[in-house]
Amino acid sequence: MFLRWWKKHTNIDLIGLEINSTAIKLLEIKTIETSYSIENFAVIPLPAGAVTKDQISNPAIIATLLKDTFKTNGIQTKNIALAIPRSSVIIKNISIDKRLNASEMEARAWVEANRHFPDLIGDIYLDFTIIGPSSEDPALVDLILVACRKEQINPYIDLLQLSGLIPKVIDVNCYALDRTLSVILKENKSTNAIAMLNLNLTLSSLIVSHASNLIYAHDHSYDGNRLLAQVKKFKEENENIDFSQNGPYKELLNENLSSHLRHTMHFFYSSRTNINIGKIYISGECATIPNIAEFIRQEVNIETEIANPFLHMSPNEKINKTELQQYAPTLALCCGLALSL
């Protein structure tokens, strides 16, 4: 099976799907010339134990929930785009003869993959995309090779097939998030680099775009579940509190976020010493935490805003607009996946 990661295909309907330990999230977006229409979205809670440590533990119950959701919402599209973490893939840049046709390029990609990681070649899915002409030799073109162990992807392919769905695209989270960031920025003319920090339940992903190019992507393990649980408990015990002014609440965020933020930003700036980030967009489950954007702004001294992937999109009449805005920052990855083709 040859999986397409982020290449352009014919314009087909596509559902961006994310499955984590607490919920299934799905989103369908249609592109109409230069505008976007949100056709469907859903966030379905998962029972405890259905997904454990990012591994599918109960495919039958997840498949049932997917079938029911598609039926209840009248979703006709069966084509699915999923993402795997940047930390789960191997990415290599190579240069090859530009005179090669598509099938010859694919064959060459496998040859290069065998050279770079021979011990894995029988156990991986592989794809590639052309970046453009080589800056070092006009007779060559630059390619990005992306490889992932089959064991990382097969459980999701099996789940989709069990659900009667078609795994059309397996993307990498950083490329999907970068696609979402470009939609958010749209006509932004800033000369500074722009970042998106996706704070999920188990993973923190920082991507940085400069001059419309993805220049940095890195994943860190992060216990978002713990932070969300502590914030929920704090809210229950302090019902009428002003989160922006409360000392104990700020201490809670300090305890859970400060060290992680410093480490994340240090990791970026140590590898990109000549780049300054002008703004950070926060997405993922933790983006719903009260006052988190202001807290991060104070911690890293960079303008920070909660990501709204749907700022320049039009929901159709059946979409609950209030719910859509409530979940907007948590659907950033789904957004990029829905726009994969």
Protein backbone atom coordinates (compact mmCIF):
# COMPACT_ATOMS: atom_id res chain seq x y z
CA MET A 1 0.00 0.00 0.00
CA PHE A 2 1.47 3.33 -1.03
CA LEU A 3 0.23 6.11 1.22
CA ARG A 4 0.01 9.70 0.04
CA TRP A 5 1.06 12.11 2.76
CA TRP A 6 0.45 15.65 1.58
CA LYS A 7 0.39 15.64 -2.22
CA LYS A 8 -2.28 17.36 -4.31
CA HIS A 9 -4.87 15.04 -5.81
CA THR A 10 -8.06 15.50 -7.73
CA ASN A 11 -10.57 17.50 -5.72
CA ILE A 12 -12.51 14.92 -3.68
CA ASP A 13 -14.49 15.24 -0.48
CA LEU A 14 -12.41 14.44 2.59
CA ILE A 15 -12.96 14.13 6.33
CA GLY A 16 -10.18 15.20 8.70
CA LEU A 17 -10.21 12.74 11.60
CA GLU A 18 -8.41 12.79 14.95
CA ILE A 19 -8.75 10.11 17.62
CA ASN A 20 -7.32 10.61 21.09
CA SER A 21 -7.89 9.08 24.51
CA THR A 22 -11.04 11.11 25.23
CA ALA A 23 -12.76 11.85 21.93
CA ILE A 24 -13.16 11.37 18.21
CA LYS A 25 -13.03 14.63 16.26
CA LEU A 26 -13.98 14.96 12.62
CA LEU A 27 -14.31 17.84 10.19
CA GLU A 28 -15.33 18.21 6.55
CA ILE A 29 -14.44 21.34 4.59
CA LYS A 30 -15.26 22.04 0.95
CA THR A 31 -13.13 24.37 -1.11
CA ILE A 32 -15.16 26.59 -3.42
CA GLU A 33 -12.77 28.56 -5.63
CA THR A 34 -10.86 30.67 -3.06
CA SER A 35 -13.26 30.22 -0.13
CA TYR A 36 -14.00 27.44 2.35
CA SER A 37 -17.30 25.99 3.51
CA ILE A 38 -17.55 23.92 6.69
CA GLU A 39 -19.87 21.05 5.81
CA ASN A 40 -19.72 18.82 8.89
CA PHE A 41 -18.04 18.60 12.25
CA ALA A 42 -18.44 16.43 15.32
CA VAL A 43 -16.73 15.81 18.64
CA ILE A 44 -17.72 12.43 20.11
CA PRO A 45 -16.63 11.46 23.63
CA LEU A 46 -14.91 8.09 23.95
CA PRO A 47 -15.41 5.69 26.84
CA ALA A 48 -12.43 5.18 29.11
CA GLY A 49 -10.03 2.58 27.79
CA ALA A 50 -11.01 2.82 24.12
CA VAL A 51 -7.63 4.46 23.44
CA THR A 52 -4.74 3.86 25.84
CA LYS A 53 -1.39 5.66 25.56
CA ASP A 54 -2.25 6.72 22.01
CA GLN A 55 -2.90 3.10 21.04
CA ILE A 56 -6.30 1.83 19.91
CA SER A 57 -7.44 -0.63 22.58
CA ASN A 58 -11.07 -1.16 21.58
CA PRO A 59 -11.49 -0.78 17.80
CA ALA A 60 -15.00 -2.29 17.85
CA ILE A 61 -16.50 0.43 20.04
CA ILE A 62 -14.71 3.21 18.15
CA ALA A 63 -15.94 1.77 14.83
CA THR A 64 -19.50 1.67 16.18
CA LEU A 65 -19.29 5.31 17.30
CA LEU A 66 -17.92 6.35 13.90
CA LYS A 67 -20.70 4.52 12.04
CA ASP A 68 -23.37 6.04 14.29
CA THR A 69 -21.91 9.54 13.92
CA PHE A 70 -21.75 9.38 10.14
CA LYS A 71 -25.32 8.07 10.00
CA THR A 72 -26.76 10.55 12.53
CA ASN A 73 -25.11 13.53 10.85
CA GLY A 74 -25.92 12.37 7.34
CA ILE A 75 -22.26 12.43 6.30
CA GLN A 76 -21.86 10.90 2.86
CA THR A 77 -18.10 11.29 2.54
CA LYS A 78 -16.14 8.13 3.30
CA ASN A 79 -12.63 9.37 2.46
CA ILE A 80 -10.55 9.96 5.59
CA ALA A 81 -7.34 11.86 6.35
CA LEU A 82 -5.43 10.99 9.52
CA ALA A 83 -2.19 12.32 10.99
CA ILE A 84 0.70 10.71 12.82
CA PRO A 85 3.17 12.65 14.98
CA ARG A 86 6.32 14.13 13.49
CA SER A 87 8.21 12.15 16.12
CA SER A 88 6.94 8.88 14.60
CA VAL A 89 8.33 9.45 11.10
CA ILE A 90 11.70 9.68 9.40
CA ILE A 91 12.10 12.63 7.06
CA LYS A 92 15.04 12.94 4.66
CA ASN A 93 15.85 15.52 1.99
CA ILE A 94 17.40 14.12 -1.19
CA SER A 95 18.22 15.33 -4.71
CA ILE A 96 17.55 13.32 -7.88
CA ASP A 97 17.71 13.73 -11.66
CA LYS A 98 14.89 16.05 -12.76
CA ARG A 99 14.43 14.11 -16.02
CA LEU A 100 12.91 11.13 -14.21
CA ASN A 101 9.19 10.52 -14.65
CA ALA A 102 6.82 9.85 -11.72
CA SER A 103 7.32 6.05 -11.60
CA GLU A 104 11.09 6.43 -11.92
CA MET A 105 11.07 8.99 -9.10
CA GLU A 106 9.15 6.56 -6.90
CA ALA A 107 11.64 3.79 -7.67
CA ARG A 108 14.50 6.16 -6.91
CA ALA A 109 12.84 7.16 -3.63
CA TRP A 110 12.82 3.51 -2.53
CA VAL A 111 16.47 3.13 -3.51
CA GLU A 112 17.36 6.19 -1.41
CA ALA A 113 15.24 4.94 1.48
CA ASN A 114 17.04 1.61 1.38
CA ARG A 115 20.35 3.47 1.52
CA HIS A 116 19.36 5.73 4.43
CA PHE A 117 17.56 3.17 6.62
CA PRO A 118 18.17 -0.36 5.25
CA ASP A 119 17.16 -2.15 8.43
CA LEU A 120 13.61 -0.76 8.19
CA ILE A 121 12.92 -0.99 4.47
CA GLY A 122 10.67 -4.05 4.70
CA ASP A 123 8.64 -2.62 7.53
CA ILE A 124 7.79 0.92 6.39
CA TYR A 125 5.36 2.93 4.37
CA LEU A 126 7.14 5.49 2.22
CA ASP A 127 6.14 8.60 0.32
CA PHE A 128 7.83 11.62 -1.17
CA THR A 129 7.07 15.05 -2.54
CA ILE A 130 9.02 17.34 -4.86
CA ILE A 131 10.16 20.56 -3.22
CA GLY A 132 11.53 22.18 -6.39
CA PRO A 133 14.75 22.64 -8.36
CA SER A 134 17.96 21.96 -6.49
CA SER A 135 19.84 25.10 -5.46
CA GLU A 136 23.14 23.25 -5.91
CA ASP A 137 22.63 21.64 -9.33
CA PRO A 138 20.09 22.73 -12.00
CA ALA A 139 20.00 19.15 -13.34
CA LEU A 140 18.49 17.93 -10.05
CA VAL A 141 15.27 18.38 -8.10
CA ASP A 142 14.97 18.26 -4.32
CA LEU A 143 12.63 15.72 -2.73
CA ILE A 144 11.41 15.09 0.80
CA LEU A 145 11.21 11.41 1.74
CA VAL A 146 8.80 10.48 4.53
CA ALA A 147 8.85 7.01 6.05
CA CYS A 148 6.93 5.46 8.92
CA ARG A 149 6.79 2.00 10.45
CA LYS A 150 3.72 0.07 9.34
CA GLU A 151 2.93 -0.80 12.97
CA GLN A 152 2.24 2.90 13.61
CA ILE A 153 -0.35 3.14 10.84
CA ASN A 154 -1.93 -0.30 10.36
CA PRO A 155 -4.19 -0.18 13.47
CA TYR A 156 -5.81 2.99 12.12
CA ILE A 157 -6.20 1.55 8.64
CA ASP A 158 -7.84 -1.54 10.16
CA LEU A 159 -10.13 0.66 12.27
CA LEU A 160 -11.28 2.71 9.29
CA GLN A 161 -11.96 -0.38 7.24
CA LEU A 162 -13.94 -1.83 10.16
CA SER A 163 -15.94 1.43 10.16
CA GLY A 164 -16.67 1.24 6.43
CA LEU A 165 -14.39 4.24 5.76
CA ILE A 166 -11.54 4.74 3.30
CA PRO A 167 -8.05 5.77 4.51
CA LYS A 168 -7.24 8.24 1.74
CA VAL A 169 -4.43 10.28 3.31
CA ILE A 170 -1.97 9.60 6.10
CA ASP A 171 -0.42 12.97 6.89
CA VAL A 172 2.22 14.13 9.36
CA ASN A 173 0.90 16.42 12.10
CA CYS A 174 3.35 19.25 11.36
CA TYR A 175 2.27 19.51 7.71
CA ALA A 176 -1.42 19.46 8.65
CA LEU A 177 -0.90 22.15 11.31
CA ASP A 178 1.11 24.26 8.86
CA ARG A 179 -1.79 24.04 6.41
CA THR A 180 -4.12 25.30 9.14
CA LEU A 181 -1.72 28.10 10.05
CA SER A 182 -1.63 29.29 6.43
CA VAL A 183 -5.45 29.45 6.41
CA ILE A 184 -5.48 31.45 9.64
CA LEU A 185 -2.88 33.90 8.37
CA LYS A 186 -4.41 34.14 4.89
CA GLU A 187 -3.25 37.59 3.76
CA ASN A 188 -0.88 38.24 6.64
CA LYS A 189 2.16 40.15 5.35
CA SER A 190 4.31 39.93 8.46
CA THR A 191 8.02 39.51 7.82
CA ASN A 192 8.45 37.78 11.19
CA ALA A 193 8.19 34.05 11.69
CA ILE A 194 4.79 32.84 12.95
CA ALA A 195 4.40 29.82 15.21
CA MET A 196 1.64 27.43 16.18
CA LEU A 197 1.88 25.56 19.47
CA ASN A 198 -0.53 22.62 19.52
CA LEU A 199 -0.94 21.54 23.15
CA ASN A 200 -2.68 18.22 23.07
CA LEU A 201 -3.49 15.61 25.71
CA THR A 202 -0.16 13.77 25.39
CA LEU A 203 1.86 15.81 22.91
CA SER A 204 3.09 19.37 22.42
CA SER A 205 3.89 20.27 18.81
CA LEU A 206 5.60 23.51 17.82
CA ILE A 207 5.70 24.50 14.15
CA VAL A 208 7.21 27.72 12.81
CA SER A 209 6.49 29.25 9.42
CA HIS A 210 8.60 31.98 7.81
CA ALA A 211 7.88 33.59 4.44
CA SER A 212 5.11 31.00 3.92
CA ASN A 213 7.54 28.10 4.40
CA LEU A 214 7.57 25.58 7.23
CA ILE A 215 11.04 26.02 8.71
CA TYR A 216 10.71 24.11 11.98
CA ALA A 217 8.64 21.31 13.48
CA HIS A 218 9.21 19.45 16.71
CA ASP A 219 7.15 17.30 19.08
CA HIS A 220 7.61 16.99 22.83
CA SER A 221 5.79 14.67 25.19
CA TYR A 222 3.42 16.68 27.35
CA ASP A 223 0.86 15.72 30.00
CA GLY A 224 -2.06 17.84 28.87
CA ASN A 225 -4.44 15.45 30.60
CA ARG A 226 -2.94 16.38 33.97
CA LEU A 227 -3.19 20.11 33.30
CA LEU A 228 -6.80 19.89 32.10
CA ALA A 229 -7.77 17.79 35.14
CA GLN A 230 -6.17 20.28 37.53
CA VAL A 231 -7.83 23.25 35.83
CA LYS A 232 -11.21 21.48 35.94
CA LYS A 233 -10.80 20.79 39.65
CA PHE A 234 -9.73 24.40 40.28
CA LYS A 235 -12.81 25.73 38.46
CA GLU A 236 -15.10 23.44 40.47
CA GLU A 237 -13.59 24.66 43.74
CA ASN A 238 -13.53 28.33 42.74
CA GLU A 239 -16.72 28.97 40.80
CA ASN A 240 -16.77 32.78 40.64
CA ILE A 241 -13.09 33.47 40.33
CA ASP A 242 -11.33 35.91 37.97
CA PHE A 243 -8.80 33.64 36.32
CA SER A 244 -6.68 36.47 34.97
CA GLN A 245 -6.03 37.91 38.43
CA ASN A 246 -5.91 34.84 40.64
CA GLY A 247 -2.58 34.00 42.23
CA PRO A 248 -3.27 30.30 42.91
CA TYR A 249 -4.49 29.81 39.33
CA LYS A 250 -1.36 31.40 37.92
CA GLU A 251 0.70 29.15 40.19
CA LEU A 252 -1.15 26.15 38.75
CA LEU A 253 -0.23 27.21 35.20
CA ASN A 254 3.33 27.93 36.30
CA GLU A 255 3.67 24.45 37.74
CA ASN A 256 2.35 22.75 34.59
CA LEU A 257 3.57 24.98 31.78
CA SER A 258 6.49 27.27 32.58
CA SER A 259 9.28 24.72 32.38
CA HIS A 260 7.80 23.14 29.25
CA LEU A 261 7.51 26.51 27.49
CA ARG A 262 11.09 27.46 28.31
CA HIS A 263 12.35 24.11 27.04
CA THR A 264 10.27 24.33 23.85
CA MET A 265 11.41 27.85 22.97
CA HIS A 266 15.03 27.15 23.88
CA PHE A 267 14.97 24.10 21.61
CA PHE A 268 13.75 26.26 18.72
CA TYR A 269 16.07 29.23 19.19
CA SER A 270 19.13 27.02 19.67
CA SER A 271 18.57 25.63 16.16
CA ARG A 272 17.31 28.83 14.49
CA THR A 273 19.50 31.55 16.00
CA ASN A 274 18.74 34.07 13.24
CA ILE A 275 14.92 33.77 13.39
CA ASN A 276 12.58 35.68 15.70
CA ILE A 277 9.03 34.50 16.29
CA GLY A 278 6.63 37.42 16.00
CA LYS A 279 3.44 35.66 17.10
CA ILE A 280 2.25 32.34 18.51
CA TYR A 281 -1.13 30.73 17.89
CA ILE A 282 -2.25 28.22 20.53
CA SER A 283 -4.30 25.19 19.49
CA GLY A 284 -5.22 21.76 20.82
CA GLU A 285 -7.25 20.68 23.85
CA CYS A 286 -5.23 22.84 26.25
CA ALA A 287 -6.05 25.96 24.21
CA THR A 288 -9.48 25.94 25.91
CA ILE A 289 -7.90 26.61 29.32
CA PRO A 290 -8.88 30.05 30.69
CA ASN A 291 -6.27 32.79 30.20
CA ILE A 292 -3.71 30.44 28.67
CA ALA A 293 -2.82 32.79 25.80
CA GLU A 294 -2.06 35.67 28.16
CA PHE A 295 -0.07 33.38 30.45
CA ILE A 296 2.08 32.15 27.55
CA ARG A 297 2.57 35.71 26.29
CA GLN A 298 3.96 36.75 29.65
CA GLU A 299 6.16 33.66 29.89
CA VAL A 300 7.83 33.88 26.47
CA ASN A 301 7.36 37.61 25.77
CA ILE A 302 5.76 36.95 22.37
CA GLU A 303 2.30 38.02 21.20
CA THR A 304 0.01 35.02 21.68
CA GLU A 305 -3.50 34.27 20.45
CA ILE A 306 -5.90 31.34 20.56
CA ALA A 307 -6.07 29.76 17.09
CA ASN A 308 -9.35 30.00 15.20
CA PRO A 309 -9.01 27.95 12.00
CA PHE A 310 -12.49 29.01 10.89
CA LEU A 311 -11.96 32.77 10.94
CA HIS A 312 -12.09 32.96 7.12
CA MET A 313 -14.57 30.11 6.59
CA SER A 314 -18.36 29.93 6.25
CA PRO A 315 -20.27 27.19 8.11
CA ASN A 316 -23.32 25.84 6.30
CA GLU A 317 -26.78 26.29 7.76
CA LYS A 318 -26.87 22.99 9.67
CA ILE A 319 -23.70 23.75 11.66
CA ASN A 320 -24.13 24.82 15.29
CA LYS A 321 -21.98 27.97 15.12
CA THR A 322 -21.68 28.34 18.90
CA GLU A 323 -20.36 24.80 19.29
CA LEU A 324 -18.05 25.25 16.31
CA GLN A 325 -16.41 28.30 17.88
CA GLN A 326 -16.20 26.53 21.24
CA TYR A 327 -14.23 23.67 19.68
CA ALA A 328 -12.35 25.76 17.09
CA PRO A 329 -8.82 25.63 18.61
CA THR A 330 -9.16 21.89 19.31
CA LEU A 331 -9.96 21.25 15.64
CA ALA A 332 -6.77 22.79 14.24
CA LEU A 333 -5.29 19.42 13.29
CA CYS A 334 -8.57 18.21 11.78
CA CYS A 335 -8.73 21.42 9.75
CA GLY A 336 -5.34 20.84 8.17
CA LEU A 337 -6.25 17.23 7.47
CA ALA A 338 -9.56 18.17 5.85
CA LEU A 339 -7.59 20.39 3.46
CA SER A 340 -5.01 17.72 2.61
CA LEU A 341 -6.10 17.18 -1.00
